[in-house]
Amino acid sequence: MSTSAEFVDGANFVEAIHSVRDDSTGDKYVLVQHMDGNPNKLTVVRTGQDPTEIASYLDDTQAMYALARYESTFDMSNTIKFVYFRWMGDKIPFGKRGRYGVVHGSIEEKFNPYHLMIETSSRDDFDTDKILQQLEENTGKKSKVLETKTPGMQERGFTNSQLPQKRVLPQQSSVAAPEVSKIGGRIDITSDVMCALGRVRKDDDDTRWMLAEYETAKGPVTCTGQGSGDLSELKESLDDAKVMYGLYRVTDTVDDITTVKFVYIQWVGCNVKPMMRAKISTNKGIIEENFAPFHVNIFATELSDLSERIIMDKVTAASGTMSHVK
């Protein structure tokens, strides 16, 4: 039995997902379902400009998936957030529910990156106010008197990578309640950063790395480089006078099984001015949140801090695949 699901018209989905992420279009969501109930085939149901419509198109007998775009405002600063929905209708036969679960890892990968995942069988969970509240709690903008922790669960991914996910069990009929993150100062991140991150994560895209930097001292953070080459190509784009953030895709092979790993790189050039260095701690939380999930992170100030050997040593150590036999 196949563990992956693919789109009957992949180009249509790519166009739809890019449209939702693009600031210049009016599209706010894309809704997907399995074609003819086949767990291994997907099709785009519709795109739209009002996420509140999604609930009206849900089918209780289907597994459906959506990416929706929301705008969160804090201190007069607008931030775009993306929410991934997994709808599991309560009338799905038990046997088919299990088959949908087997392929979900490959489906979720196609919607990455996103800020919040909601898995539900209740239409109430598509309420905009509830979603915005959860996004505020998720980014640490909302104070909570009572803290609720949802244990992280590991999701089998399309790339055989395992990353912690916060989720809502269908019977709870409520959005997930991740722990409040310590975001710190606010900074705008442009949509081209999110698009580049998505390309690095996408299995059928050649893009292996991307870099982002501050457009001005006050932001926003924008994508300034991406490529399909190895680490040496990424390093050519680093600037000693800048603070930069990157995501790099590598593979780790153990027992003939190849898994994809993502490396988050925080670059602070040796010639960065002191005031700019202060932004590192101020914006650390929100930058990491947007680049997440990743398996390891590396802080570098010189090119010698970055090498394939250093990166793979950290990757294998983090995944427990490093041999300690001397």
C-alpha atoms as a PDB file:
ATOM      1  CA  MET A   1       0.000   0.000   0.000  1.00  0.00           C
ATOM      2  CA  SER A   2       1.402   3.381  -1.039  1.00  0.00           C
ATOM      3  CA  THR A   3       2.204   5.825   1.761  1.00  0.00           C
ATOM      4  CA  SER A   4       1.999   8.932  -0.416  1.00  0.00           C
ATOM      5  CA  ALA A   5      -0.705  10.939  -2.132  1.00  0.00           C
ATOM      6  CA  GLU A   6      -0.213  12.983  -5.292  1.00  0.00           C
ATOM      7  CA  PHE A   7      -2.261  15.593  -7.125  1.00  0.00           C
ATOM      8  CA  VAL A   8      -3.972  14.600 -10.339  1.00  0.00           C
ATOM      9  CA  ASP A   9      -3.153  18.112 -11.574  1.00  0.00           C
ATOM     10  CA  GLY A  10      -0.035  19.137  -9.673  1.00  0.00           C
ATOM     11  CA  ALA A  11       0.403  22.391 -11.600  1.00  0.00           C
ATOM     12  CA  ASN A  12      -3.072  23.523 -10.563  1.00  0.00           C
ATOM     13  CA  PHE A  13      -2.261  22.966  -6.880  1.00  0.00           C
ATOM     14  CA  VAL A  14       1.119  24.723  -7.119  1.00  0.00           C
ATOM     15  CA  GLU A  15      -0.547  27.724  -8.752  1.00  0.00           C
ATOM     16  CA  ALA A  16      -3.280  27.788  -6.099  1.00  0.00           C
ATOM     17  CA  ILE A  17      -0.907  27.513  -3.125  1.00  0.00           C
ATOM     18  CA  HIS A  18       1.379  30.222  -4.518  1.00  0.00           C
ATOM     19  CA  SER A  19      -1.631  32.473  -5.067  1.00  0.00           C
ATOM     20  CA  VAL A  20      -2.653  32.136  -1.404  1.00  0.00           C
ATOM     21  CA  ARG A  21       0.883  33.016  -0.267  1.00  0.00           C
ATOM     22  CA  ASP A  22       1.252  35.911  -2.715  1.00  0.00           C
ATOM     23  CA  ASP A  23       0.526  39.362  -1.243  1.00  0.00           C
ATOM     24  CA  SER A  24      -0.561  40.712  -4.630  1.00  0.00           C
ATOM     25  CA  THR A  25      -3.535  38.362  -5.100  1.00  0.00           C
ATOM     26  CA  GLY A  26      -6.830  38.333  -3.277  1.00  0.00           C
ATOM     27  CA  ASP A  27      -6.883  34.594  -2.679  1.00  0.00           C
ATOM     28  CA  LYS A  28      -7.062  33.655   1.003  1.00  0.00           C
ATOM     29  CA  TYR A  29      -7.485  29.884   0.946  1.00  0.00           C
ATOM     30  CA  VAL A  30      -7.184  26.696  -1.082  1.00  0.00           C
ATOM     31  CA  LEU A  31      -9.274  23.591  -0.314  1.00  0.00           C
ATOM     32  CA  VAL A  32      -8.226  20.066  -1.331  1.00  0.00           C
ATOM     33  CA  GLN A  33      -9.808  16.611  -1.131  1.00  0.00           C
ATOM     34  CA  HIS A  34      -9.166  13.058  -2.303  1.00  0.00           C
ATOM     35  CA  MET A  35     -10.350  12.371  -5.838  1.00  0.00           C
ATOM     36  CA  ASP A  36     -13.186   9.824  -5.899  1.00  0.00           C
ATOM     37  CA  GLY A  37     -12.277   8.842  -2.333  1.00  0.00           C
ATOM     38  CA  ASN A  38      -8.887   7.470  -3.459  1.00  0.00           C
ATOM     39  CA  PRO A  39      -6.367   8.003  -0.604  1.00  0.00           C
ATOM     40  CA  ASN A  40      -3.497   8.280  -3.112  1.00  0.00           C
ATOM     41  CA  LYS A  41      -5.053  10.913  -5.385  1.00  0.00           C
ATOM     42  CA  LEU A  42      -5.731  14.557  -4.557  1.00  0.00           C
ATOM     43  CA  THR A  43      -7.518  17.354  -6.350  1.00  0.00           C
ATOM     44  CA  VAL A  44      -8.118  21.053  -5.704  1.00  0.00           C
ATOM     45  CA  VAL A  45     -11.757  21.685  -4.804  1.00  0.00           C
ATOM     46  CA  ARG A  46     -11.646  25.458  -4.869  1.00  0.00           C
ATOM     47  CA  THR A  47      -9.791  28.632  -3.955  1.00  0.00           C
ATOM     48  CA  GLY A  48     -11.429  31.686  -2.467  1.00  0.00           C
ATOM     49  CA  GLN A  49     -11.011  35.095  -0.887  1.00  0.00           C
ATOM     50  CA  ASP A  50     -12.955  34.521   2.332  1.00  0.00           C
ATOM     51  CA  PRO A  51     -11.717  31.768   4.712  1.00  0.00           C
ATOM     52  CA  THR A  52     -15.072  31.754   6.496  1.00  0.00           C
ATOM     53  CA  GLU A  53     -16.464  29.995   3.395  1.00  0.00           C
ATOM     54  CA  ILE A  54     -14.359  26.877   3.996  1.00  0.00           C
ATOM     55  CA  ALA A  55     -16.737  25.335   6.537  1.00  0.00           C
ATOM     56  CA  SER A  56     -19.618  25.428   4.044  1.00  0.00           C
ATOM     57  CA  TYR A  57     -17.698  23.283   1.543  1.00  0.00           C
ATOM     58  CA  LEU A  58     -16.682  20.538   3.975  1.00  0.00           C
ATOM     59  CA  ASP A  59     -18.025  17.000   3.502  1.00  0.00           C
ATOM     60  CA  ASP A  60     -18.631  14.756   6.533  1.00  0.00           C
ATOM     61  CA  THR A  61     -17.751  11.681   4.456  1.00  0.00           C
ATOM     62  CA  GLN A  62     -14.417  13.054   3.239  1.00  0.00           C
ATOM     63  CA  ALA A  63     -10.888  13.818   4.404  1.00  0.00           C
ATOM     64  CA  MET A  64     -10.119  17.358   3.243  1.00  0.00           C
ATOM     65  CA  TYR A  65      -7.219  19.766   3.610  1.00  0.00           C
ATOM     66  CA  ALA A  66      -6.878  23.531   3.414  1.00  0.00           C
ATOM     67  CA  LEU A  67      -4.323  26.304   3.696  1.00  0.00           C
ATOM     68  CA  ALA A  68      -5.816  29.615   4.790  1.00  0.00           C
ATOM     69  CA  ARG A  69      -4.262  33.060   5.096  1.00  0.00           C
ATOM     70  CA  TYR A  70      -4.989  35.311   8.085  1.00  0.00           C
ATOM     71  CA  GLU A  71      -3.761  38.767   9.052  1.00  0.00           C
ATOM     72  CA  SER A  72      -2.751  39.333  12.659  1.00  0.00           C
ATOM     73  CA  THR A  73      -2.228  42.863  14.016  1.00  0.00           C
ATOM     74  CA  PHE A  74      -0.001  43.730  16.962  1.00  0.00           C
ATOM     75  CA  ASP A  75       1.393  47.151  17.928  1.00  0.00           C
ATOM     76  CA  MET A  76       0.039  48.547  14.636  1.00  0.00           C
ATOM     77  CA  SER A  77       2.114  45.986  12.739  1.00  0.00           C
ATOM     78  CA  ASN A  78       0.405  43.515  10.411  1.00  0.00           C
ATOM     79  CA  THR A  79       1.742  39.977  10.124  1.00  0.00           C
ATOM     80  CA  ILE A  80       0.526  37.346   7.684  1.00  0.00           C
ATOM     81  CA  LYS A  81      -0.048  33.898   9.190  1.00  0.00           C
ATOM     82  CA  PHE A  82      -0.898  30.628   7.468  1.00  0.00           C
ATOM     83  CA  VAL A  83      -3.057  27.912   9.008  1.00  0.00           C
ATOM     84  CA  TYR A  84      -3.136  24.312   7.777  1.00  0.00           C
ATOM     85  CA  PHE A  85      -6.424  22.467   8.322  1.00  0.00           C
ATOM     86  CA  ARG A  86      -6.927  18.713   8.235  1.00  0.00           C
ATOM     87  CA  TRP A  87     -10.639  17.904   8.140  1.00  0.00           C
ATOM     88  CA  MET A  88     -11.638  14.338   9.017  1.00  0.00           C
ATOM     89  CA  GLY A  89     -15.387  14.013   8.538  1.00  0.00           C
ATOM     90  CA  ASP A  90     -17.112  12.025  11.283  1.00  0.00           C
ATOM     91  CA  LYS A  91     -18.838   9.796   8.684  1.00  0.00           C
ATOM     92  CA  ILE A  92     -15.617   8.467   7.140  1.00  0.00           C
ATOM     93  CA  PRO A  93     -15.598   4.632   7.382  1.00  0.00           C
ATOM     94  CA  PHE A  94     -13.122   3.336   9.946  1.00  0.00           C
ATOM     95  CA  GLY A  95     -11.041   1.393   7.415  1.00  0.00           C
ATOM     96  CA  LYS A  96     -10.694   4.336   5.059  1.00  0.00           C
ATOM     97  CA  ARG A  97      -9.854   6.656   7.969  1.00  0.00           C
ATOM     98  CA  GLY A  98      -6.779   4.509   8.590  1.00  0.00           C
ATOM     99  CA  ARG A  99      -5.722   4.679   4.933  1.00  0.00           C
ATOM    100  CA  TYR A 100      -6.049   8.459   4.987  1.00  0.00           C
ATOM    101  CA  GLY A 101      -3.813   8.496   8.055  1.00  0.00           C
ATOM    102  CA  VAL A 102      -1.093   6.522   6.258  1.00  0.00           C
ATOM    103  CA  VAL A 103      -0.761   9.122   3.475  1.00  0.00           C
ATOM    104  CA  HIS A 104      -1.220  12.230   5.602  1.00  0.00           C
ATOM    105  CA  GLY A 105       2.505  12.810   6.059  1.00  0.00           C
ATOM    106  CA  SER A 106       2.968  13.268   2.318  1.00  0.00           C
ATOM    107  CA  ILE A 107      -0.026  15.601   2.143  1.00  0.00           C
ATOM    108  CA  GLU A 108       1.039  17.813   5.032  1.00  0.00           C
ATOM    109  CA  GLU A 109       4.460  18.254   3.431  1.00  0.00           C
ATOM    110  CA  LYS A 110       2.829  19.839   0.382  1.00  0.00           C
ATOM    111  CA  PHE A 111       1.241  22.547   2.557  1.00  0.00           C
ATOM    112  CA  ASN A 112       4.419  23.485   4.445  1.00  0.00           C
ATOM    113  CA  PRO A 113       5.337  25.944   5.801  1.00  0.00           C
ATOM    114  CA  TYR A 114       2.514  27.097   8.058  1.00  0.00           C
ATOM    115  CA  HIS A 115       2.204  28.665  11.517  1.00  0.00           C
ATOM    116  CA  LEU A 116      -0.599  26.575  13.010  1.00  0.00           C
ATOM    117  CA  MET A 117      -2.112  23.158  12.317  1.00  0.00           C
ATOM    118  CA  ILE A 118      -5.739  22.395  13.162  1.00  0.00           C
ATOM    119  CA  GLU A 119      -7.034  18.836  12.859  1.00  0.00           C
ATOM    120  CA  THR A 120     -10.758  18.601  13.467  1.00  0.00           C
ATOM    121  CA  SER A 121     -14.157  17.191  12.550  1.00  0.00           C
ATOM    122  CA  SER A 122     -16.040  20.235  13.875  1.00  0.00           C
ATOM    123  CA  ARG A 123     -16.979  23.169  11.641  1.00  0.00           C
ATOM    124  CA  ASP A 124     -16.858  25.425  14.702  1.00  0.00           C
ATOM    125  CA  ASP A 125     -13.065  25.227  14.558  1.00  0.00           C
ATOM    126  CA  PHE A 126     -13.106  27.297  11.367  1.00  0.00           C
ATOM    127  CA  ASP A 127     -14.391  30.349  13.243  1.00  0.00           C
ATOM    128  CA  THR A 128     -12.089  33.277  12.430  1.00  0.00           C
ATOM    129  CA  ASP A 129     -12.099  34.732  15.953  1.00  0.00           C
ATOM    130  CA  LYS A 130     -11.056  31.399  17.473  1.00  0.00           C
ATOM    131  CA  ILE A 131      -8.294  30.989  14.918  1.00  0.00           C
ATOM    132  CA  LEU A 132      -6.905  34.496  15.440  1.00  0.00           C
ATOM    133  CA  GLN A 133      -6.978  33.944  19.204  1.00  0.00           C
ATOM    134  CA  GLN A 134      -5.019  30.732  18.792  1.00  0.00           C
ATOM    135  CA  LEU A 135      -2.503  32.438  16.515  1.00  0.00           C
ATOM    136  CA  GLU A 136      -2.011  35.145  19.138  1.00  0.00           C
ATOM    137  CA  GLU A 137      -1.416  32.552  21.831  1.00  0.00           C
ATOM    138  CA  ASN A 138       0.876  30.612  19.539  1.00  0.00           C
ATOM    139  CA  THR A 139       3.074  33.656  18.924  1.00  0.00           C
ATOM    140  CA  GLY A 140       3.073  34.856  22.522  1.00  0.00           C
ATOM    141  CA  LYS A 141       1.053  38.012  21.830  1.00  0.00           C
ATOM    142  CA  LYS A 142      -1.800  37.055  24.114  1.00  0.00           C
ATOM    143  CA  SER A 143      -1.449  36.629  27.847  1.00  0.00           C
ATOM    144  CA  LYS A 144      -2.976  33.439  29.212  1.00  0.00           C
ATOM    145  CA  VAL A 145      -3.813  33.046  32.878  1.00  0.00           C
ATOM    146  CA  LEU A 146      -4.324  29.299  32.554  1.00  0.00           C
ATOM    147  CA  GLU A 147      -1.754  27.430  30.495  1.00  0.00           C
ATOM    148  CA  THR A 148      -2.783  24.295  28.614  1.00  0.00           C
ATOM    149  CA  LYS A 149      -0.111  22.061  27.169  1.00  0.00           C
ATOM    150  CA  THR A 150      -0.713  19.669  24.324  1.00  0.00           C
ATOM    151  CA  PRO A 151       1.987  17.002  24.069  1.00  0.00           C
ATOM    152  CA  GLY A 152       3.896  17.107  20.782  1.00  0.00           C
ATOM    153  CA  MET A 153       3.205  14.233  18.429  1.00  0.00           C
ATOM    154  CA  GLN A 154       5.513  12.936  15.749  1.00  0.00           C
ATOM    155  CA  GLU A 155       4.201  12.908  12.206  1.00  0.00           C
ATOM    156  CA  ARG A 156       5.450  10.525   9.565  1.00  0.00           C
ATOM    157  CA  GLY A 157       6.487  12.831   6.745  1.00  0.00           C
ATOM    158  CA  PHE A 158       6.704  12.494   2.987  1.00  0.00           C
ATOM    159  CA  THR A 159      10.469  12.921   3.272  1.00  0.00           C
ATOM    160  CA  ASN A 160      10.799  10.332   6.067  1.00  0.00           C
ATOM    161  CA  SER A 161      11.642  13.186   8.445  1.00  0.00           C
ATOM    162  CA  GLN A 162       9.959  13.405  11.830  1.00  0.00           C
ATOM    163  CA  LEU A 163       9.185  16.748  13.388  1.00  0.00           C
ATOM    164  CA  PRO A 164       7.094  17.604  16.438  1.00  0.00           C
ATOM    165  CA  GLN A 165       3.589  18.759  15.656  1.00  0.00           C
ATOM    166  CA  LYS A 166       0.898  20.303  17.828  1.00  0.00           C
ATOM    167  CA  ARG A 167      -2.514  18.980  16.907  1.00  0.00           C
ATOM    168  CA  VAL A 168      -6.149  18.812  17.961  1.00  0.00           C
ATOM    169  CA  LEU A 169      -7.756  15.407  18.330  1.00  0.00           C
ATOM    170  CA  PRO A 170     -11.038  15.334  16.384  1.00  0.00           C
ATOM    171  CA  GLN A 171     -13.174  14.550  19.416  1.00  0.00           C
ATOM    172  CA  GLN A 172     -11.953  17.663  21.223  1.00  0.00           C
ATOM    173  CA  SER A 173     -13.557  19.993  18.671  1.00  0.00           C
ATOM    174  CA  SER A 174     -11.214  22.813  19.525  1.00  0.00           C
ATOM    175  CA  VAL A 175      -8.121  24.339  18.023  1.00  0.00           C
ATOM    176  CA  ALA A 176      -4.701  23.272  19.187  1.00  0.00           C
ATOM    177  CA  ALA A 177      -3.158  24.942  22.207  1.00  0.00           C
ATOM    178  CA  PRO A 178       0.608  25.044  21.761  1.00  0.00           C
ATOM    179  CA  GLU A 179       2.743  26.559  24.460  1.00  0.00           C
ATOM    180  CA  VAL A 180       3.258  30.292  24.269  1.00  0.00           C
ATOM    181  CA  SER A 181       6.479  31.086  22.444  1.00  0.00           C
ATOM    182  CA  LYS A 182       8.793  33.856  23.530  1.00  0.00           C
ATOM    183  CA  ILE A 183       8.735  35.906  20.364  1.00  0.00           C
ATOM    184  CA  GLY A 184      10.265  39.197  21.520  1.00  0.00           C
ATOM    185  CA  GLY A 185      10.222  42.165  19.143  1.00  0.00           C
ATOM    186  CA  ARG A 186       7.962  42.194  16.103  1.00  0.00           C
ATOM    187  CA  ILE A 187       9.306  42.264  12.562  1.00  0.00           C
ATOM    188  CA  ASP A 188       7.511  41.930   9.243  1.00  0.00           C
ATOM    189  CA  ILE A 189       8.474  38.978   7.069  1.00  0.00           C
ATOM    190  CA  THR A 190       7.610  39.223   3.383  1.00  0.00           C
ATOM    191  CA  SER A 191       5.706  36.524   1.533  1.00  0.00           C
ATOM    192  CA  ASP A 192       8.674  35.749  -0.737  1.00  0.00           C
ATOM    193  CA  VAL A 193      10.456  34.358   2.333  1.00  0.00           C
ATOM    194  CA  MET A 194       7.584  31.949   2.966  1.00  0.00           C
ATOM    195  CA  CYS A 195       7.489  30.943  -0.706  1.00  0.00           C
ATOM    196  CA  ALA A 196      11.236  30.256  -0.717  1.00  0.00           C
ATOM    197  CA  LEU A 197      10.947  28.188   2.463  1.00  0.00           C
ATOM    198  CA  GLY A 198       8.184  26.191   0.825  1.00  0.00           C
ATOM    199  CA  ARG A 199      10.354  25.466  -2.208  1.00  0.00           C
ATOM    200  CA  VAL A 200      13.222  24.224  -0.031  1.00  0.00           C
ATOM    201  CA  ARG A 201      10.830  21.829   1.722  1.00  0.00           C
ATOM    202  CA  LYS A 202       9.089  20.617  -1.428  1.00  0.00           C
ATOM    203  CA  ASP A 203      10.278  17.197  -2.604  1.00  0.00           C
ATOM    204  CA  ASP A 204       9.741  17.828  -6.310  1.00  0.00           C
ATOM    205  CA  ASP A 205      11.539  21.205  -6.302  1.00  0.00           C
ATOM    206  CA  ASP A 206      15.295  21.441  -6.927  1.00  0.00           C
ATOM    207  CA  THR A 207      15.726  24.322  -4.468  1.00  0.00           C
ATOM    208  CA  ARG A 208      18.060  23.236  -1.637  1.00  0.00           C
ATOM    209  CA  TRP A 209      18.672  26.512   0.183  1.00  0.00           C
ATOM    210  CA  MET A 210      17.373  30.010   0.736  1.00  0.00           C
ATOM    211  CA  LEU A 211      18.620  33.122   2.526  1.00  0.00           C
ATOM    212  CA  ALA A 212      16.776  36.102   3.988  1.00  0.00           C
ATOM    213  CA  GLU A 213      17.994  39.402   5.411  1.00  0.00           C
ATOM    214  CA  TYR A 214      16.729  42.749   6.715  1.00  0.00           C
ATOM    215  CA  GLU A 215      15.800  45.091   3.880  1.00  0.00           C
ATOM    216  CA  THR A 216      16.501  48.020   6.210  1.00  0.00           C
ATOM    217  CA  ALA A 217      17.413  48.259   9.884  1.00  0.00           C
ATOM    218  CA  LYS A 218      13.689  48.341  10.696  1.00  0.00           C
ATOM    219  CA  GLY A 219      12.758  45.528   8.333  1.00  0.00           C
ATOM    220  CA  PRO A 220      11.091  43.802   6.720  1.00  0.00           C
ATOM    221  CA  VAL A 221      12.941  40.509   6.423  1.00  0.00           C
ATOM    222  CA  THR A 222      12.983  39.575   2.750  1.00  0.00           C
ATOM    223  CA  CYS A 223      14.344  36.736   0.626  1.00  0.00           C
ATOM    224  CA  THR A 224      17.649  37.652  -1.031  1.00  0.00           C
ATOM    225  CA  GLY A 225      18.905  34.337  -2.327  1.00  0.00           C
ATOM    226  CA  GLN A 226      18.005  30.751  -3.134  1.00  0.00           C
ATOM    227  CA  GLY A 227      19.513  27.980  -5.183  1.00  0.00           C
ATOM    228  CA  SER A 228      19.757  24.316  -6.053  1.00  0.00           C
ATOM    229  CA  GLY A 229      23.476  23.948  -5.339  1.00  0.00           C
ATOM    230  CA  ASP A 230      25.285  22.719  -2.256  1.00  0.00           C
ATOM    231  CA  LEU A 231      26.540  24.590   0.800  1.00  0.00           C
ATOM    232  CA  SER A 232      29.340  26.279  -1.144  1.00  0.00           C
ATOM    233  CA  GLU A 233      26.745  28.018  -3.311  1.00  0.00           C
ATOM    234  CA  LEU A 234      24.878  29.206  -0.226  1.00  0.00           C
ATOM    235  CA  LYS A 235      28.100  30.535   1.328  1.00  0.00           C
ATOM    236  CA  GLU A 236      28.801  32.661  -1.756  1.00  0.00           C
ATOM    237  CA  SER A 237      25.692  34.712  -0.917  1.00  0.00           C
ATOM    238  CA  LEU A 238      26.677  35.436   2.703  1.00  0.00           C
ATOM    239  CA  ASP A 239      27.768  38.989   3.537  1.00  0.00           C
ATOM    240  CA  ASP A 240      30.186  39.835   6.370  1.00  0.00           C
ATOM    241  CA  ALA A 241      28.299  43.081   7.027  1.00  0.00           C
ATOM    242  CA  LYS A 242      24.833  41.552   7.371  1.00  0.00           C
ATOM    243  CA  VAL A 243      22.615  39.498   9.646  1.00  0.00           C
ATOM    244  CA  MET A 244      21.095  36.727   7.538  1.00  0.00           C
ATOM    245  CA  TYR A 245      18.894  33.692   8.055  1.00  0.00           C
ATOM    246  CA  GLY A 246      18.871  30.550   5.955  1.00  0.00           C
ATOM    247  CA  LEU A 247      17.302  27.135   5.528  1.00  0.00           C
ATOM    248  CA  TYR A 248      19.396  24.353   3.999  1.00  0.00           C
ATOM    249  CA  ARG A 249      18.140  20.925   2.913  1.00  0.00           C
ATOM    250  CA  VAL A 250      20.362  17.861   3.376  1.00  0.00           C
ATOM    251  CA  THR A 251      19.869  14.098   3.318  1.00  0.00           C
ATOM    252  CA  ASP A 252      20.967  11.525   5.875  1.00  0.00           C
ATOM    253  CA  THR A 253      21.173   7.848   4.910  1.00  0.00           C
ATOM    254  CA  VAL A 254      20.970   5.105   7.522  1.00  0.00           C
ATOM    255  CA  ASP A 255      20.481   1.402   6.732  1.00  0.00           C
ATOM    256  CA  ASP A 256      19.788   2.289   3.081  1.00  0.00           C
ATOM    257  CA  ILE A 257      16.942   4.593   4.145  1.00  0.00           C
ATOM    258  CA  THR A 258      17.362   8.214   3.081  1.00  0.00           C
ATOM    259  CA  THR A 259      15.725  10.920   5.168  1.00  0.00           C
ATOM    260  CA  VAL A 260      15.542  14.638   4.502  1.00  0.00           C
ATOM    261  CA  LYS A 261      16.730  17.024   7.204  1.00  0.00           C
ATOM    262  CA  PHE A 262      16.434  20.799   7.420  1.00  0.00           C
ATOM    263  CA  VAL A 263      19.160  23.028   8.845  1.00  0.00           C
ATOM    264  CA  TYR A 264      18.392  26.536  10.116  1.00  0.00           C
ATOM    265  CA  ILE A 265      21.360  28.894   9.734  1.00  0.00           C
ATOM    266  CA  GLN A 266      21.724  32.151  11.642  1.00  0.00           C
ATOM    267  CA  TRP A 267      24.519  34.222  10.116  1.00  0.00           C
ATOM    268  CA  VAL A 268      25.982  37.276  11.848  1.00  0.00           C
ATOM    269  CA  GLY A 269      28.853  38.617   9.767  1.00  0.00           C
ATOM    270  CA  CYS A 270      32.008  39.718  11.558  1.00  0.00           C
ATOM    271  CA  ASN A 271      31.499  43.293  10.294  1.00  0.00           C
ATOM    272  CA  VAL A 272      27.885  43.671  11.454  1.00  0.00           C
ATOM    273  CA  LYS A 273      27.368  46.911  13.395  1.00  0.00           C
ATOM    274  CA  PRO A 274      26.567  46.679  17.140  1.00  0.00           C
ATOM    275  CA  MET A 275      23.048  48.110  16.743  1.00  0.00           C
ATOM    276  CA  MET A 276      22.271  45.509  14.113  1.00  0.00           C
ATOM    277  CA  ARG A 277      23.618  42.739  16.330  1.00  0.00           C
ATOM    278  CA  ALA A 278      21.010  43.734  18.914  1.00  0.00           C
ATOM    279  CA  LYS A 279      18.301  42.593  16.501  1.00  0.00           C
ATOM    280  CA  ILE A 280      19.499  39.020  16.832  1.00  0.00           C
ATOM    281  CA  SER A 281      18.014  38.571  20.286  1.00  0.00           C
ATOM    282  CA  THR A 282      15.112  40.972  19.690  1.00  0.00           C
ATOM    283  CA  ASN A 283      13.749  39.123  16.658  1.00  0.00           C
ATOM    284  CA  LYS A 284      15.058  35.642  17.454  1.00  0.00           C
ATOM    285  CA  GLY A 285      11.710  34.123  18.368  1.00  0.00           C
ATOM    286  CA  ILE A 286       9.637  35.280  15.422  1.00  0.00           C
ATOM    287  CA  ILE A 287      12.352  34.460  12.883  1.00  0.00           C
ATOM    288  CA  GLU A 288      12.799  30.934  14.230  1.00  0.00           C
ATOM    289  CA  GLU A 289       9.040  30.410  14.318  1.00  0.00           C
ATOM    290  CA  ASN A 290       8.703  31.271  10.640  1.00  0.00           C
ATOM    291  CA  PHE A 291      11.663  29.105   9.615  1.00  0.00           C
ATOM    292  CA  ALA A 292      10.455  26.156  11.725  1.00  0.00           C
ATOM    293  CA  PRO A 293      10.250  23.233  11.672  1.00  0.00           C
ATOM    294  CA  PHE A 294      13.923  22.321  11.338  1.00  0.00           C
ATOM    295  CA  HIS A 295      16.096  19.562  12.759  1.00  0.00           C
ATOM    296  CA  VAL A 296      19.232  21.479  13.780  1.00  0.00           C
ATOM    297  CA  ASN A 297      20.328  25.100  13.907  1.00  0.00           C
ATOM    298  CA  ILE A 298      23.775  26.572  13.366  1.00  0.00           C
ATOM    299  CA  PHE A 299      25.060  29.990  14.443  1.00  0.00           C
ATOM    300  CA  ALA A 300      27.894  31.263  12.250  1.00  0.00           C
ATOM    301  CA  THR A 301      29.995  34.414  12.057  1.00  0.00           C
ATOM    302  CA  GLU A 302      32.700  33.192   9.678  1.00  0.00           C
ATOM    303  CA  LEU A 303      32.588  31.005   6.587  1.00  0.00           C
ATOM    304  CA  SER A 304      34.737  28.447   8.388  1.00  0.00           C
ATOM    305  CA  ASP A 305      31.833  27.915  10.812  1.00  0.00           C
ATOM    306  CA  LEU A 306      29.896  26.343   7.952  1.00  0.00           C
ATOM    307  CA  SER A 307      30.951  23.121   6.270  1.00  0.00           C
ATOM    308  CA  GLU A 308      29.202  19.965   5.129  1.00  0.00           C
ATOM    309  CA  ARG A 309      31.144  18.046   7.791  1.00  0.00           C
ATOM    310  CA  ILE A 310      30.013  20.351  10.611  1.00  0.00           C
ATOM    311  CA  ILE A 311      26.405  20.273   9.434  1.00  0.00           C
ATOM    312  CA  MET A 312      26.208  16.509   8.962  1.00  0.00           C
ATOM    313  CA  ASP A 313      27.864  15.883  12.337  1.00  0.00           C
ATOM    314  CA  LYS A 314      25.112  17.940  13.974  1.00  0.00           C
ATOM    315  CA  VAL A 315      22.389  16.266  11.913  1.00  0.00           C
ATOM    316  CA  THR A 316      23.524  12.729  12.717  1.00  0.00           C
ATOM    317  CA  ALA A 317      24.038  13.588  16.380  1.00  0.00           C
ATOM    318  CA  ALA A 318      20.541  15.072  16.614  1.00  0.00           C
ATOM    319  CA  SER A 319      18.925  12.071  14.920  1.00  0.00           C
ATOM    320  CA  GLY A 320      20.911   9.514  16.889  1.00  0.00           C
ATOM    321  CA  THR A 321      22.505   8.041  13.773  1.00  0.00           C
ATOM    322  CA  MET A 322      26.080   9.064  14.565  1.00  0.00           C
ATOM    323  CA  SER A 323      28.458   6.246  15.332  1.00  0.00           C
ATOM    324  CA  HIS A 324      30.486   6.805  18.489  1.00  0.00           C
ATOM    325  CA  VAL A 325      32.788   3.853  17.893  1.00  0.00           C
ATOM    326  CA  LYS A 326      36.417   4.962  17.704  1.00  0.00           C
END
